[in-house]
N, C-alpha and C. Protein backbone atom coordinates (compact mmCIF):
# COMPACT_ATOMS: atom_id res chain seq x y z
N VAL A 1 29.92 26.92 -1.21
CA VAL A 1 28.86 25.98 -1.56
C VAL A 1 27.79 26.70 -2.36
N GLN A 2 27.34 26.06 -3.42
CA GLN A 2 26.24 26.62 -4.23
C GLN A 2 25.17 25.55 -4.42
N LEU A 3 23.93 25.99 -4.44
CA LEU A 3 22.81 25.13 -4.76
C LEU A 3 22.19 25.64 -6.05
N GLN A 4 22.08 24.78 -7.03
CA GLN A 4 21.50 25.15 -8.32
C GLN A 4 20.19 24.40 -8.50
N ALA A 5 19.11 25.17 -8.52
CA ALA A 5 17.79 24.58 -8.69
C ALA A 5 17.35 24.71 -10.15
N SER A 6 16.61 23.72 -10.62
CA SER A 6 16.11 23.76 -11.99
C SER A 6 14.86 22.90 -12.10
N GLY A 7 14.15 23.08 -13.21
CA GLY A 7 13.01 22.21 -13.50
C GLY A 7 11.65 22.85 -13.42
N GLY A 8 11.58 24.11 -13.01
CA GLY A 8 10.28 24.77 -12.93
C GLY A 8 9.71 25.05 -14.31
N GLY A 9 8.47 25.49 -14.32
CA GLY A 9 7.84 25.81 -15.58
C GLY A 9 6.34 25.91 -15.44
N LEU A 10 5.68 25.96 -16.59
CA LEU A 10 4.22 26.05 -16.66
C LEU A 10 3.66 24.67 -16.95
N VAL A 11 2.68 24.26 -16.17
CA VAL A 11 2.06 22.95 -16.36
C VAL A 11 0.57 23.07 -16.11
N GLN A 12 -0.19 22.24 -16.78
CA GLN A 12 -1.64 22.25 -16.59
C GLN A 12 -2.01 21.51 -15.31
N PRO A 13 -3.15 21.85 -14.74
CA PRO A 13 -3.62 21.08 -13.56
C PRO A 13 -3.67 19.60 -13.87
N GLY A 14 -3.20 18.81 -12.91
CA GLY A 14 -3.13 17.37 -13.10
C GLY A 14 -1.81 16.90 -13.68
N GLY A 15 -1.01 17.83 -14.13
CA GLY A 15 0.26 17.49 -14.74
C GLY A 15 1.36 17.22 -13.73
N SER A 16 2.57 17.00 -14.27
CA SER A 16 3.73 16.66 -13.44
C SER A 16 4.94 17.50 -13.82
N LEU A 17 5.81 17.69 -12.86
CA LEU A 17 7.10 18.34 -13.06
C LEU A 17 8.09 17.70 -12.11
N ARG A 18 9.37 17.76 -12.48
CA ARG A 18 10.41 17.31 -11.58
C ARG A 18 11.42 18.44 -11.39
N LEU A 19 11.63 18.80 -10.14
CA LEU A 19 12.63 19.80 -9.80
C LEU A 19 13.92 19.11 -9.38
N SER A 20 15.03 19.75 -9.69
CA SER A 20 16.34 19.25 -9.28
C SER A 20 17.08 20.32 -8.50
N CYS A 21 17.89 19.89 -7.55
CA CYS A 21 18.72 20.79 -6.77
C CYS A 21 20.09 20.15 -6.62
N ALA A 22 21.09 20.75 -7.24
CA ALA A 22 22.44 20.21 -7.21
C ALA A 22 23.32 21.07 -6.32
N ALA A 23 23.99 20.43 -5.39
CA ALA A 23 24.92 21.13 -4.50
C ALA A 23 26.34 20.95 -5.01
N SER A 24 27.11 22.03 -4.96
CA SER A 24 28.49 21.96 -5.40
C SER A 24 29.38 22.75 -4.45
N GLY A 25 30.67 22.42 -4.45
CA GLY A 25 31.60 23.10 -3.58
C GLY A 25 32.35 22.11 -2.70
N SER A 26 33.02 22.65 -1.70
CA SER A 26 33.82 21.81 -0.79
C SER A 26 32.92 21.24 0.29
N ILE A 27 32.21 20.19 -0.07
CA ILE A 27 31.20 19.61 0.81
C ILE A 27 31.76 18.40 1.52
N THR A 28 31.65 18.44 2.85
CA THR A 28 32.05 17.28 3.63
C THR A 28 30.87 16.31 3.78
N ARG A 29 29.71 16.90 4.10
CA ARG A 29 28.55 16.07 4.33
C ARG A 29 27.29 16.89 4.11
N ILE A 30 26.33 16.31 3.43
CA ILE A 30 25.01 16.94 3.29
C ILE A 30 24.08 16.27 4.28
N ASN A 31 23.64 17.01 5.27
CA ASN A 31 22.81 16.45 6.33
C ASN A 31 21.35 16.34 5.91
N VAL A 32 20.85 17.44 5.31
CA VAL A 32 19.44 17.52 4.94
C VAL A 32 19.34 18.25 3.62
N MET A 33 18.44 17.81 2.76
CA MET A 33 18.09 18.57 1.56
C MET A 33 16.57 18.69 1.53
N GLY A 34 16.11 19.86 1.11
CA GLY A 34 14.67 20.06 1.12
C GLY A 34 14.21 21.10 0.13
N TRP A 35 12.90 21.16 0.00
CA TRP A 35 12.27 22.14 -0.87
C TRP A 35 11.26 22.94 -0.05
N TYR A 36 11.28 24.24 -0.26
CA TYR A 36 10.31 25.15 0.31
C TYR A 36 9.65 25.89 -0.84
N ARG A 37 8.52 26.50 -0.58
CA ARG A 37 7.87 27.29 -1.62
C ARG A 37 7.23 28.52 -1.02
N GLN A 38 7.10 29.52 -1.88
CA GLN A 38 6.48 30.78 -1.45
C GLN A 38 5.55 31.24 -2.56
N ALA A 39 4.27 31.26 -2.23
CA ALA A 39 3.27 31.76 -3.17
C ALA A 39 3.10 33.26 -2.97
N PRO A 40 2.59 33.95 -3.98
CA PRO A 40 2.40 35.40 -3.84
C PRO A 40 1.56 35.75 -2.62
N GLY A 41 2.07 36.66 -1.81
CA GLY A 41 1.35 37.12 -0.64
C GLY A 41 1.37 36.18 0.54
N LYS A 42 2.13 35.09 0.42
CA LYS A 42 2.18 34.11 1.51
C LYS A 42 3.60 33.92 2.00
N GLN A 43 3.70 33.34 3.20
CA GLN A 43 5.02 33.06 3.75
C GLN A 43 5.62 31.81 3.12
N ARG A 44 6.93 31.74 3.16
CA ARG A 44 7.61 30.55 2.68
C ARG A 44 7.25 29.37 3.58
N GLU A 45 6.99 28.23 2.95
CA GLU A 45 6.61 27.05 3.71
C GLU A 45 7.40 25.84 3.26
N LEU A 46 7.56 24.90 4.18
CA LEU A 46 8.24 23.65 3.86
C LEU A 46 7.34 22.81 2.96
N VAL A 47 7.95 22.24 1.92
CA VAL A 47 7.24 21.31 1.05
C VAL A 47 7.64 19.88 1.38
N ALA A 48 8.95 19.63 1.36
CA ALA A 48 9.45 18.28 1.63
C ALA A 48 10.92 18.35 1.98
N LEU A 49 11.38 17.40 2.77
CA LEU A 49 12.80 17.31 3.05
C LEU A 49 13.20 15.85 3.18
N ILE A 50 14.49 15.62 2.97
CA ILE A 50 15.04 14.27 3.08
C ILE A 50 16.33 14.35 3.87
N ILE A 51 16.42 13.49 4.87
CA ILE A 51 17.55 13.48 5.78
C ILE A 51 18.49 12.35 5.38
N THR A 52 19.75 12.50 5.71
CA THR A 52 20.71 11.42 5.47
C THR A 52 20.15 10.12 6.02
N GLY A 53 20.16 9.09 5.19
CA GLY A 53 19.55 7.82 5.57
C GLY A 53 18.23 7.60 4.89
N GLY A 54 17.70 8.67 4.28
CA GLY A 54 16.49 8.52 3.48
C GLY A 54 15.19 8.85 4.16
N VAL A 55 15.24 9.30 5.39
CA VAL A 55 14.00 9.69 6.07
C VAL A 55 13.44 10.94 5.42
N THR A 56 12.13 10.91 5.15
CA THR A 56 11.50 12.03 4.47
C THR A 56 10.38 12.63 5.31
N ASN A 57 10.06 13.88 4.99
CA ASN A 57 8.97 14.56 5.65
C ASN A 57 8.28 15.45 4.62
N TYR A 58 6.96 15.47 4.65
CA TYR A 58 6.20 16.22 3.65
C TYR A 58 5.16 17.12 4.33
N ALA A 59 4.88 18.22 3.68
CA ALA A 59 3.74 19.03 4.09
C ALA A 59 2.47 18.23 3.80
N ASP A 60 1.46 18.40 4.64
CA ASP A 60 0.22 17.65 4.46
C ASP A 60 -0.40 17.91 3.08
N SER A 61 -0.22 19.12 2.59
CA SER A 61 -0.85 19.51 1.33
C SER A 61 -0.28 18.79 0.11
N VAL A 62 0.90 18.18 0.26
CA VAL A 62 1.53 17.53 -0.89
C VAL A 62 1.70 16.02 -0.70
N LYS A 63 1.35 15.51 0.46
CA LYS A 63 1.49 14.08 0.72
C LYS A 63 0.70 13.27 -0.30
N GLY A 64 1.35 12.26 -0.84
CA GLY A 64 0.71 11.42 -1.83
C GLY A 64 0.84 11.93 -3.25
N ARG A 65 1.28 13.16 -3.41
CA ARG A 65 1.43 13.74 -4.75
C ARG A 65 2.89 14.05 -5.08
N PHE A 66 3.66 14.45 -4.09
CA PHE A 66 5.06 14.82 -4.29
C PHE A 66 5.95 13.76 -3.67
N THR A 67 7.10 13.55 -4.31
CA THR A 67 8.09 12.62 -3.78
C THR A 67 9.47 13.26 -3.84
N ILE A 68 10.15 13.29 -2.71
CA ILE A 68 11.51 13.82 -2.67
C ILE A 68 12.47 12.65 -2.64
N SER A 69 13.56 12.79 -3.38
CA SER A 69 14.58 11.76 -3.41
C SER A 69 15.94 12.42 -3.50
N ARG A 70 16.97 11.62 -3.37
CA ARG A 70 18.31 12.18 -3.30
C ARG A 70 19.30 11.21 -3.93
N ASP A 71 20.21 11.75 -4.72
CA ASP A 71 21.31 10.99 -5.29
C ASP A 71 22.57 11.47 -4.58
N ASN A 72 23.04 10.69 -3.63
CA ASN A 72 24.18 11.12 -2.82
C ASN A 72 25.46 11.25 -3.65
N ALA A 73 25.61 10.42 -4.66
CA ALA A 73 26.81 10.48 -5.49
C ALA A 73 26.89 11.80 -6.27
N LYS A 74 25.72 12.34 -6.58
CA LYS A 74 25.66 13.59 -7.36
C LYS A 74 25.37 14.80 -6.48
N ASN A 75 25.23 14.60 -5.17
CA ASN A 75 24.85 15.71 -4.27
C ASN A 75 23.62 16.44 -4.79
N THR A 76 22.66 15.68 -5.24
CA THR A 76 21.48 16.26 -5.88
C THR A 76 20.20 15.70 -5.25
N ALA A 77 19.25 16.59 -5.05
CA ALA A 77 17.93 16.19 -4.58
C ALA A 77 16.92 16.48 -5.68
N TYR A 78 15.88 15.67 -5.70
CA TYR A 78 14.83 15.81 -6.70
C TYR A 78 13.48 15.92 -6.01
N LEU A 79 12.58 16.66 -6.61
CA LEU A 79 11.21 16.72 -6.14
C LEU A 79 10.31 16.38 -7.32
N GLN A 80 9.76 15.18 -7.30
CA GLN A 80 8.83 14.76 -8.33
C GLN A 80 7.44 15.18 -7.90
N MET A 81 6.81 16.02 -8.71
CA MET A 81 5.50 16.58 -8.38
C MET A 81 4.48 16.04 -9.38
N THR A 82 3.45 15.41 -8.88
CA THR A 82 2.39 14.88 -9.73
C THR A 82 1.04 15.43 -9.27
N SER A 83 0.04 15.23 -10.09
CA SER A 83 -1.32 15.72 -9.78
C SER A 83 -1.29 17.16 -9.32
N LEU A 84 -0.58 17.99 -10.05
CA LEU A 84 -0.39 19.37 -9.64
C LEU A 84 -1.70 20.14 -9.67
N LYS A 85 -1.82 21.04 -8.72
CA LYS A 85 -3.02 21.87 -8.56
C LYS A 85 -2.64 23.34 -8.70
N PRO A 86 -3.59 24.18 -9.05
CA PRO A 86 -3.29 25.62 -9.14
C PRO A 86 -2.69 26.17 -7.84
N GLU A 87 -3.10 25.63 -6.72
CA GLU A 87 -2.56 26.12 -5.44
C GLU A 87 -1.12 25.70 -5.19
N ASP A 88 -0.57 24.88 -6.06
CA ASP A 88 0.86 24.55 -5.97
C ASP A 88 1.72 25.62 -6.65
N THR A 89 1.09 26.56 -7.30
CA THR A 89 1.82 27.64 -7.95
C THR A 89 2.61 28.45 -6.93
N ALA A 90 3.91 28.55 -7.14
CA ALA A 90 4.78 29.25 -6.20
C ALA A 90 6.20 29.26 -6.76
N ILE A 91 7.04 30.02 -6.10
CA ILE A 91 8.47 29.90 -6.33
C ILE A 91 8.98 28.83 -5.37
N TYR A 92 9.66 27.86 -5.91
CA TYR A 92 10.18 26.75 -5.12
C TYR A 92 11.68 26.98 -4.87
N TYR A 93 12.06 26.86 -3.61
CA TYR A 93 13.44 27.09 -3.20
C TYR A 93 14.05 25.80 -2.65
N CYS A 94 15.26 25.55 -3.07
CA CYS A 94 16.00 24.42 -2.56
C CYS A 94 16.79 24.87 -1.32
N ASN A 95 16.85 23.99 -0.34
CA ASN A 95 17.62 24.27 0.88
C ASN A 95 18.42 23.03 1.24
N ALA A 96 19.59 23.26 1.78
CA ALA A 96 20.40 22.13 2.24
C ALA A 96 21.16 22.53 3.50
N VAL A 97 21.26 21.61 4.42
CA VAL A 97 22.13 21.78 5.58
C VAL A 97 23.39 20.96 5.29
N ILE A 98 24.48 21.68 5.16
CA ILE A 98 25.73 21.08 4.68
C ILE A 98 26.83 21.33 5.69
N THR A 99 27.60 20.29 5.93
CA THR A 99 28.74 20.42 6.83
C THR A 99 30.02 20.57 6.01
N ILE A 100 30.71 21.68 6.23
CA ILE A 100 32.07 21.83 5.70
C ILE A 100 33.00 21.66 6.91
N ASP A 101 32.93 22.63 7.85
CA ASP A 101 33.55 22.42 9.15
C ASP A 101 32.48 22.29 10.22
N VAL A 102 31.41 23.09 10.06
CA VAL A 102 30.23 22.99 10.93
C VAL A 102 28.99 22.99 10.05
N PRO A 103 27.87 22.43 10.52
CA PRO A 103 26.65 22.45 9.70
C PRO A 103 26.15 23.87 9.48
N LYS A 104 25.71 24.13 8.25
CA LYS A 104 25.21 25.44 7.91
C LYS A 104 24.12 25.29 6.87
N SER A 105 23.13 26.18 6.92
CA SER A 105 22.02 26.14 5.97
C SER A 105 22.33 26.98 4.75
N TYR A 106 22.05 26.42 3.59
CA TYR A 106 22.27 27.12 2.33
C TYR A 106 20.97 27.12 1.52
N TRP A 107 20.79 28.18 0.73
CA TRP A 107 19.61 28.31 -0.13
C TRP A 107 20.03 28.44 -1.58
N GLY A 108 19.27 27.81 -2.45
CA GLY A 108 19.45 28.01 -3.87
C GLY A 108 18.54 29.11 -4.36
N GLN A 109 18.69 29.46 -5.62
CA GLN A 109 17.79 30.45 -6.19
C GLN A 109 16.43 29.78 -6.42
N GLY A 110 15.40 30.52 -6.48
CA GLY A 110 14.08 29.95 -6.66
C GLY A 110 13.83 29.54 -8.10
N THR A 111 12.92 28.61 -8.24
CA THR A 111 12.45 28.22 -9.57
C THR A 111 10.93 28.28 -9.57
N LEU A 112 10.38 28.95 -10.56
CA LEU A 112 8.94 29.21 -10.58
C LEU A 112 8.18 28.03 -11.15
N VAL A 113 7.17 27.61 -10.40
CA VAL A 113 6.24 26.58 -10.86
C VAL A 113 4.87 27.23 -10.99
N THR A 114 4.30 27.18 -12.17
CA THR A 114 2.98 27.75 -12.42
C THR A 114 2.06 26.64 -12.90
N VAL A 115 0.98 26.45 -12.18
CA VAL A 115 -0.01 25.43 -12.54
C VAL A 115 -1.27 26.16 -13.00
N SER A 116 -1.51 26.09 -14.29
CA SER A 116 -2.62 26.85 -14.85
C SER A 116 -3.05 26.24 -16.17
N SER A 117 -4.34 26.36 -16.45
CA SER A 117 -4.84 25.90 -17.74
C SER A 117 -4.89 27.05 -18.74
């Protein structure tokens, strides 16, 4: 199983970006897909996740600004980020809990989001 993250970049404060995370491989079921981020000098933190059935959960710091969604046919999750702030600057990592024979957590490579004027 591989997770391919994309969509990071440089954006001005108040701007928007959309991250994508595509899962590939011998996947039986994707239980959870989510995004985490790690800013310089800080621990990795949960940003948002989406569970099978569409239930979502967000960090308080991004509620109302970020939206996570999922295309089950494409095994892809998206993170639409709006009203970006400099404190959103971080490496964003995609994570998925995927069942092949048993559920297991997988990580994609990080994608850098920089919010700066």
